Amino acid sequence: MSLLPTPTASPPHTHNSGNEFRPLTLSLADISATMSMAASRIRASISQYQTEAANTDDPSAARIMHFKAGLQWEIAVRD
């Protein structure tokens, strides 16, 4: 069983198109490294916001809201 998708039939080539679609090709090592970097950033963000939330004098619900807001900001900024 192959891990890579089977290429599908492509439309006939047009000579007057300068912007032909070319699929991105990444090796499994590239994909693995990219996923590893993303996971590392997620762990760092979670750790940062957990620390910030733990260092507030707010009740538990407020700490959770702070943590959630921080993660939502992180996701929005990185999108």
PDB file of N, CA and C in Angstrom:
ATOM      1  N   MET A   1       0.839  -1.182   0.000  1.00  0.00           N
ATOM      2  CA  MET A   1       0.000   0.000   0.000  1.00  0.00           C
ATOM      3  C   MET A   1       0.881   1.240   0.000  1.00  0.00           C
ATOM      4  N   SER A   2       0.670   2.106  -0.935  1.00  0.00           N
ATOM      5  CA  SER A   2       1.477   3.308  -1.061  1.00  0.00           C
ATOM      6  C   SER A   2       0.970   4.409  -0.129  1.00  0.00           C
ATOM      7  N   LEU A   3       1.886   5.168   0.465  1.00  0.00           N
ATOM      8  CA  LEU A   3       1.516   6.289   1.313  1.00  0.00           C
ATOM      9  C   LEU A   3       1.225   7.544   0.497  1.00  0.00           C
ATOM     10  N   LEU A   4       1.675   7.557  -0.736  1.00  0.00           N
ATOM     11  CA  LEU A   4       1.488   8.735  -1.573  1.00  0.00           C
ATOM     12  C   LEU A   4       0.256   8.558  -2.444  1.00  0.00           C
ATOM     13  N   PRO A   5      -0.494   9.663  -2.660  1.00  0.00           N
ATOM     14  CA  PRO A   5      -1.697   9.544  -3.491  1.00  0.00           C
ATOM     15  C   PRO A   5      -1.349   9.233  -4.932  1.00  0.00           C
ATOM     16  N   THR A   6      -2.226   8.512  -5.594  1.00  0.00           N
ATOM     17  CA  THR A   6      -2.046   8.190  -6.997  1.00  0.00           C
ATOM     18  C   THR A   6      -2.425   9.410  -7.825  1.00  0.00           C
ATOM     19  N   PRO A   7      -1.566   9.835  -8.753  1.00  0.00           N
ATOM     20  CA  PRO A   7      -1.904  11.016  -9.553  1.00  0.00           C
ATOM     21  C   PRO A   7      -3.151  10.768 -10.393  1.00  0.00           C
ATOM     22  N   THR A   8      -3.939  11.808 -10.544  1.00  0.00           N
ATOM     23  CA  THR A   8      -5.140  11.705 -11.362  1.00  0.00           C
ATOM     24  C   THR A   8      -4.830  12.222 -12.756  1.00  0.00           C
ATOM     25  N   ALA A   9      -5.698  11.910 -13.687  1.00  0.00           N
ATOM     26  CA  ALA A   9      -5.519  12.376 -15.058  1.00  0.00           C
ATOM     27  C   ALA A   9      -5.615  13.899 -15.070  1.00  0.00           C
ATOM     28  N   SER A  10      -4.744  14.534 -15.791  1.00  0.00           N
ATOM     29  CA  SER A  10      -4.758  15.993 -15.857  1.00  0.00           C
ATOM     30  C   SER A  10      -5.374  16.443 -17.174  1.00  0.00           C
ATOM     31  N   PRO A  11      -5.921  17.667 -17.205  1.00  0.00           N
ATOM     32  CA  PRO A  11      -6.511  18.164 -18.446  1.00  0.00           C
ATOM     33  C   PRO A  11      -5.429  18.354 -19.504  1.00  0.00           C
ATOM     34  N   PRO A  12      -5.822  18.385 -20.761  1.00  0.00           N
ATOM     35  CA  PRO A  12      -4.827  18.584 -21.825  1.00  0.00           C
ATOM     36  C   PRO A  12      -4.055  19.878 -21.622  1.00  0.00           C
ATOM     37  N   HIS A  13      -2.817  19.854 -21.986  1.00  0.00           N
ATOM     38  CA  HIS A  13      -1.946  21.016 -21.826  1.00  0.00           C
ATOM     39  C   HIS A  13      -2.365  22.135 -22.785  1.00  0.00           C
ATOM     40  N   THR A  14      -2.432  23.337 -22.236  1.00  0.00           N
ATOM     41  CA  THR A  14      -2.723  24.491 -23.086  1.00  0.00           C
ATOM     42  C   THR A  14      -1.460  25.332 -23.186  1.00  0.00           C
ATOM     43  N   HIS A  15      -1.083  25.678 -24.364  1.00  0.00           N
ATOM     44  CA  HIS A  15       0.175  26.399 -24.567  1.00  0.00           C
ATOM     45  C   HIS A  15       0.099  27.876 -24.216  1.00  0.00           C
ATOM     46  N   ASN A  16      -1.082  28.455 -24.159  1.00  0.00           N
ATOM     47  CA  ASN A  16      -1.172  29.882 -23.882  1.00  0.00           C
ATOM     48  C   ASN A  16      -1.386  30.182 -22.399  1.00  0.00           C
ATOM     49  N   SER A  17      -1.313  29.185 -21.562  1.00  0.00           N
ATOM     50  CA  SER A  17      -1.486  29.403 -20.132  1.00  0.00           C
ATOM     51  C   SER A  17      -0.117  29.427 -19.451  1.00  0.00           C
ATOM     52  N   GLY A  18       0.208  30.565 -18.850  1.00  0.00           N
ATOM     53  CA  GLY A  18       1.478  30.674 -18.146  1.00  0.00           C
ATOM     54  C   GLY A  18       1.378  30.296 -16.681  1.00  0.00           C
ATOM     55  N   ASN A  19       0.178  30.091 -16.186  1.00  0.00           N
ATOM     56  CA  ASN A  19      -0.033  29.788 -14.771  1.00  0.00           C
ATOM     57  C   ASN A  19      -0.592  28.384 -14.585  1.00  0.00           C
ATOM     58  N   GLU A  20       0.107  27.408 -15.062  1.00  0.00           N
ATOM     59  CA  GLU A  20      -0.352  26.030 -14.948  1.00  0.00           C
ATOM     60  C   GLU A  20      -0.204  25.564 -13.499  1.00  0.00           C
ATOM     61  N   PHE A  21      -1.150  24.753 -13.078  1.00  0.00           N
ATOM     62  CA  PHE A  21      -1.088  24.191 -11.731  1.00  0.00           C
ATOM     63  C   PHE A  21       0.003  23.135 -11.684  1.00  0.00           C
ATOM     64  N   ARG A  22       0.852  23.266 -10.718  1.00  0.00           N
ATOM     65  CA  ARG A  22       1.889  22.264 -10.484  1.00  0.00           C
ATOM     66  C   ARG A  22       1.780  21.830  -9.036  1.00  0.00           C
ATOM     67  N   PRO A  23       1.439  20.593  -8.795  1.00  0.00           N
ATOM     68  CA  PRO A  23       1.256  20.149  -7.406  1.00  0.00           C
ATOM     69  C   PRO A  23       2.552  20.255  -6.612  1.00  0.00           C
ATOM     70  N   LEU A  24       2.401  20.601  -5.372  1.00  0.00           N
ATOM     71  CA  LEU A  24       3.530  20.689  -4.464  1.00  0.00           C
ATOM     72  C   LEU A  24       4.020  19.281  -4.166  1.00  0.00           C
ATOM     73  N   THR A  25       5.297  19.081  -4.297  1.00  0.00           N
ATOM     74  CA  THR A  25       5.847  17.766  -3.986  1.00  0.00           C
ATOM     75  C   THR A  25       6.778  17.894  -2.788  1.00  0.00           C
ATOM     76  N   LEU A  26       6.459  17.163  -1.760  1.00  0.00           N
ATOM     77  CA  LEU A  26       7.273  17.146  -0.550  1.00  0.00           C
ATOM     78  C   LEU A  26       7.631  15.705  -0.214  1.00  0.00           C
ATOM     79  N   SER A  27       8.822  15.529   0.258  1.00  0.00           N
ATOM     80  CA  SER A  27       9.219  14.197   0.686  1.00  0.00           C
ATOM     81  C   SER A  27       8.593  13.917   2.054  1.00  0.00           C
ATOM     82  N   LEU A  28       8.581  12.667   2.441  1.00  0.00           N
ATOM     83  CA  LEU A  28       8.071  12.323   3.763  1.00  0.00           C
ATOM     84  C   LEU A  28       8.897  13.001   4.853  1.00  0.00           C
ATOM     85  N   ALA A  29      10.188  13.173   4.612  1.00  0.00           N
ATOM     86  CA  ALA A  29      11.045  13.856   5.582  1.00  0.00           C
ATOM     87  C   ALA A  29      10.648  15.327   5.712  1.00  0.00           C
ATOM     88  N   ASP A  30      10.322  15.991   4.579  1.00  0.00           N
ATOM     89  CA  ASP A  30       9.873  17.386   4.621  1.00  0.00           C
ATOM     90  C   ASP A  30       8.576  17.518   5.401  1.00  0.00           C
ATOM     91  N   ILE A  31       7.636  16.620   5.126  1.00  0.00           N
ATOM     92  CA  ILE A  31       6.346  16.653   5.813  1.00  0.00           C
ATOM     93  C   ILE A  31       6.546  16.408   7.307  1.00  0.00           C
ATOM     94  N   SER A  32       7.376  15.448   7.634  1.00  0.00           N
ATOM     95  CA  SER A  32       7.641  15.122   9.029  1.00  0.00           C
ATOM     96  C   SER A  32       8.270  16.314   9.759  1.00  0.00           C
ATOM     97  N   ALA A  33       9.234  16.967   9.127  1.00  0.00           N
ATOM     98  CA  ALA A  33       9.892  18.122   9.746  1.00  0.00           C
ATOM     99  C   ALA A  33       8.911  19.273   9.935  1.00  0.00           C
ATOM    100  N   THR A  34       8.052  19.503   8.953  1.00  0.00           N
ATOM    101  CA  THR A  34       7.063  20.568   9.048  1.00  0.00           C
ATOM    102  C   THR A  34       6.089  20.293  10.187  1.00  0.00           C
ATOM    103  N   MET A  35       5.608  19.066  10.274  1.00  0.00           N
ATOM    104  CA  MET A  35       4.683  18.707  11.350  1.00  0.00           C
ATOM    105  C   MET A  35       5.361  18.802  12.717  1.00  0.00           C
ATOM    106  N   SER A  36       6.616  18.431  12.776  1.00  0.00           N
ATOM    107  CA  SER A  36       7.354  18.498  14.027  1.00  0.00           C
ATOM    108  C   SER A  36       7.512  19.954  14.481  1.00  0.00           C
ATOM    109  N   MET A  37       7.824  20.845  13.534  1.00  0.00           N
ATOM    110  CA  MET A  37       7.955  22.269  13.879  1.00  0.00           C
ATOM    111  C   MET A  37       6.621  22.841  14.340  1.00  0.00           C
ATOM    112  N   ALA A  38       5.548  22.458  13.674  1.00  0.00           N
ATOM    113  CA  ALA A  38       4.219  22.947  14.056  1.00  0.00           C
ATOM    114  C   ALA A  38       3.861  22.456  15.461  1.00  0.00           C
ATOM    115  N   ALA A  39       4.123  21.192  15.732  1.00  0.00           N
ATOM    116  CA  ALA A  39       3.830  20.632  17.054  1.00  0.00           C
ATOM    117  C   ALA A  39       4.652  21.333  18.132  1.00  0.00           C
ATOM    118  N   SER A  40       5.892  21.647  17.818  1.00  0.00           N
ATOM    119  CA  SER A  40       6.753  22.343  18.773  1.00  0.00           C
ATOM    120  C   SER A  40       6.201  23.732  19.090  1.00  0.00           C
ATOM    121  N   ARG A  41       5.734  24.436  18.079  1.00  0.00           N
ATOM    122  CA  ARG A  41       5.146  25.769  18.288  1.00  0.00           C
ATOM    123  C   ARG A  41       3.880  25.674  19.120  1.00  0.00           C
ATOM    124  N   ILE A  42       3.079  24.657  18.868  1.00  0.00           N
ATOM    125  CA  ILE A  42       1.849  24.477  19.628  1.00  0.00           C
ATOM    126  C   ILE A  42       2.177  24.204  21.095  1.00  0.00           C
ATOM    127  N   ARG A  43       3.145  23.302  21.342  1.00  0.00           N
ATOM    128  CA  ARG A  43       3.539  23.005  22.723  1.00  0.00           C
ATOM    129  C   ARG A  43       4.080  24.248  23.425  1.00  0.00           C
ATOM    130  N   ALA A  44       4.876  25.055  22.717  1.00  0.00           N
ATOM    131  CA  ALA A  44       5.432  26.272  23.307  1.00  0.00           C
ATOM    132  C   ALA A  44       4.325  27.268  23.635  1.00  0.00           C
ATOM    133  N   SER A  45       3.361  27.415  22.734  1.00  0.00           N
ATOM    134  CA  SER A  45       2.250  28.339  22.974  1.00  0.00           C
ATOM    135  C   SER A  45       1.419  27.892  24.168  1.00  0.00           C
ATOM    136  N   ILE A  46       1.107  26.605  24.213  1.00  0.00           N
ATOM    137  CA  ILE A  46       0.324  26.088  25.331  1.00  0.00           C
ATOM    138  C   ILE A  46       1.063  26.304  26.642  1.00  0.00           C
ATOM    139  N   SER A  47       2.343  26.017  26.656  1.00  0.00           N
ATOM    140  CA  SER A  47       3.139  26.198  27.857  1.00  0.00           C
ATOM    141  C   SER A  47       3.150  27.662  28.292  1.00  0.00           C
ATOM    142  N   GLN A  48       3.330  28.557  27.336  1.00  0.00           N
ATOM    143  CA  GLN A  48       3.361  29.993  27.644  1.00  0.00           C
ATOM    144  C   GLN A  48       2.045  30.435  28.272  1.00  0.00           C
ATOM    145  N   TYR A  49       0.930  30.069  27.661  1.00  0.00           N
ATOM    146  CA  TYR A  49      -0.354  30.518  28.172  1.00  0.00           C
ATOM    147  C   TYR A  49      -0.750  29.819  29.456  1.00  0.00           C
ATOM    148  N   GLN A  50      -0.307  28.590  29.658  1.00  0.00           N
ATOM    149  CA  GLN A  50      -0.547  27.925  30.941  1.00  0.00           C
ATOM    150  C   GLN A  50       0.194  28.657  32.047  1.00  0.00           C
ATOM    151  N   THR A  51       1.442  29.045  31.766  1.00  0.00           N
ATOM    152  CA  THR A  51       2.243  29.763  32.748  1.00  0.00           C
ATOM    153  C   THR A  51       1.608  31.108  33.068  1.00  0.00           C
ATOM    154  N   GLU A  52       1.209  31.846  32.048  1.00  0.00           N
ATOM    155  CA  GLU A  52       0.579  33.143  32.269  1.00  0.00           C
ATOM    156  C   GLU A  52      -0.708  32.997  33.072  1.00  0.00           C
ATOM    157  N   ALA A  53      -1.513  32.001  32.714  1.00  0.00           N
ATOM    158  CA  ALA A  53      -2.782  31.802  33.416  1.00  0.00           C
ATOM    159  C   ALA A  53      -2.540  31.394  34.869  1.00  0.00           C
ATOM    160  N   ALA A  54      -1.525  30.583  35.110  1.00  0.00           N
ATOM    161  CA  ALA A  54      -1.224  30.128  36.470  1.00  0.00           C
ATOM    162  C   ALA A  54      -0.716  31.265  37.343  1.00  0.00           C
ATOM    163  N   ASN A  55      -0.122  32.277  36.738  1.00  0.00           N
ATOM    164  CA  ASN A  55       0.448  33.384  37.502  1.00  0.00           C
ATOM    165  C   ASN A  55      -0.529  34.530  37.728  1.00  0.00           C
ATOM    166  N   THR A  56      -1.787  34.314  37.434  1.00  0.00           N
ATOM    167  CA  THR A  56      -2.791  35.342  37.712  1.00  0.00           C
ATOM    168  C   THR A  56      -3.480  35.016  39.026  1.00  0.00           C
ATOM    169  N   ASP A  57      -4.044  36.016  39.644  1.00  0.00           N
ATOM    170  CA  ASP A  57      -4.773  35.802  40.890  1.00  0.00           C
ATOM    171  C   ASP A  57      -6.256  35.549  40.629  1.00  0.00           C
ATOM    172  N   ASP A  58      -6.591  35.331  39.374  1.00  0.00           N
ATOM    173  CA  ASP A  58      -7.984  35.115  39.002  1.00  0.00           C
ATOM    174  C   ASP A  58      -8.440  33.722  39.418  1.00  0.00           C
ATOM    175  N   PRO A  59      -9.753  33.563  39.593  1.00  0.00           N
ATOM    176  CA  PRO A  59     -10.276  32.216  39.857  1.00  0.00           C
ATOM    177  C   PRO A  59     -10.055  31.289  38.662  1.00  0.00           C
ATOM    178  N   SER A  60     -10.272  30.023  38.851  1.00  0.00           N
ATOM    179  CA  SER A  60     -10.004  29.000  37.840  1.00  0.00           C
ATOM    180  C   SER A  60     -10.661  29.304  36.495  1.00  0.00           C
ATOM    181  N   ALA A  61     -11.924  29.701  36.469  1.00  0.00           N
ATOM    182  CA  ALA A  61     -12.630  29.973  35.209  1.00  0.00           C
ATOM    183  C   ALA A  61     -11.953  31.100  34.436  1.00  0.00           C
ATOM    184  N   ALA A  62     -11.497  32.122  35.129  1.00  0.00           N
ATOM    185  CA  ALA A  62     -10.824  33.243  34.462  1.00  0.00           C
ATOM    186  C   ALA A  62      -9.493  32.790  33.870  1.00  0.00           C
ATOM    187  N   ARG A  63      -8.788  31.898  34.569  1.00  0.00           N
ATOM    188  CA  ARG A  63      -7.523  31.378  34.031  1.00  0.00           C
ATOM    189  C   ARG A  63      -7.755  30.589  32.761  1.00  0.00           C
ATOM    190  N   ILE A  64      -8.824  29.803  32.746  1.00  0.00           N
ATOM    191  CA  ILE A  64      -9.148  29.027  31.548  1.00  0.00           C
ATOM    192  C   ILE A  64      -9.471  29.969  30.394  1.00  0.00           C
ATOM    193  N   MET A  65     -10.234  31.024  30.668  1.00  0.00           N
ATOM    194  CA  MET A  65     -10.583  31.990  29.619  1.00  0.00           C
ATOM    195  C   MET A  65      -9.326  32.690  29.087  1.00  0.00           C
ATOM    196  N   HIS A  66      -8.394  33.032  29.979  1.00  0.00           N
ATOM    197  CA  HIS A  66      -7.137  33.660  29.557  1.00  0.00           C
ATOM    198  C   HIS A  66      -6.350  32.716  28.656  1.00  0.00           C
ATOM    199  N   PHE A  67      -6.265  31.467  29.068  1.00  0.00           N
ATOM    200  CA  PHE A  67      -5.551  30.450  28.299  1.00  0.00           C
ATOM    201  C   PHE A  67      -6.188  30.287  26.921  1.00  0.00           C
ATOM    202  N   LYS A  68      -7.511  30.170  26.882  1.00  0.00           N
ATOM    203  CA  LYS A  68      -8.233  29.996  25.624  1.00  0.00           C
ATOM    204  C   LYS A  68      -8.055  31.210  24.714  1.00  0.00           C
ATOM    205  N   ALA A  69      -8.168  32.404  25.274  1.00  0.00           N
ATOM    206  CA  ALA A  69      -8.008  33.625  24.473  1.00  0.00           C
ATOM    207  C   ALA A  69      -6.597  33.712  23.878  1.00  0.00           C
ATOM    208  N   GLY A  70      -5.615  33.335  24.652  1.00  0.00           N
ATOM    209  CA  GLY A  70      -4.235  33.359  24.161  1.00  0.00           C
ATOM    210  C   GLY A  70      -4.025  32.399  23.007  1.00  0.00           C
ATOM    211  N   LEU A  71      -4.564  31.206  23.126  1.00  0.00           N
ATOM    212  CA  LEU A  71      -4.428  30.227  22.044  1.00  0.00           C
ATOM    213  C   LEU A  71      -5.186  30.678  20.799  1.00  0.00           C
ATOM    214  N   GLN A  72      -6.373  31.254  20.991  1.00  0.00           N
ATOM    215  CA  GLN A  72      -7.134  31.729  19.839  1.00  0.00           C
ATOM    216  C   GLN A  72      -6.379  32.845  19.119  1.00  0.00           C
ATOM    217  N   TRP A  73      -5.742  33.726  19.892  1.00  0.00           N
ATOM    218  CA  TRP A  73      -4.951  34.801  19.288  1.00  0.00           C
ATOM    219  C   TRP A  73      -3.791  34.195  18.503  1.00  0.00           C
ATOM    220  N   GLU A  74      -3.118  33.223  19.090  1.00  0.00           N
ATOM    221  CA  GLU A  74      -1.970  32.575  18.450  1.00  0.00           C
ATOM    222  C   GLU A  74      -2.386  31.942  17.120  1.00  0.00           C
ATOM    223  N   ILE A  75      -3.518  31.272  17.109  1.00  0.00           N
ATOM    224  CA  ILE A  75      -4.003  30.626  15.890  1.00  0.00           C
ATOM    225  C   ILE A  75      -4.349  31.686  14.836  1.00  0.00           C
ATOM    226  N   ALA A  76      -5.014  32.750  15.255  1.00  0.00           N
ATOM    227  CA  ALA A  76      -5.427  33.805  14.310  1.00  0.00           C
ATOM    228  C   ALA A  76      -4.222  34.507  13.694  1.00  0.00           C
ATOM    229  N   VAL A  77      -3.205  34.764  14.497  1.00  0.00           N
ATOM    230  CA  VAL A  77      -2.015  35.467  14.013  1.00  0.00           C
ATOM    231  C   VAL A  77      -1.211  34.598  13.055  1.00  0.00           C
ATOM    232  N   ARG A  78      -1.161  33.308  13.298  1.00  0.00           N
ATOM    233  CA  ARG A  78      -0.339  32.398  12.497  1.00  0.00           C
ATOM    234  C   ARG A  78      -1.054  31.922  11.239  1.00  0.00           C
ATOM    235  N   ASP A  79      -2.350  32.169  11.138  1.00  0.00           N
ATOM    236  CA  ASP A  79      -3.125  31.675   9.991  1.00  0.00           C
ATOM    237  C   ASP A  79      -2.746  32.341   8.707  1.00  0.00           C
TER     238      ASP A  79
END
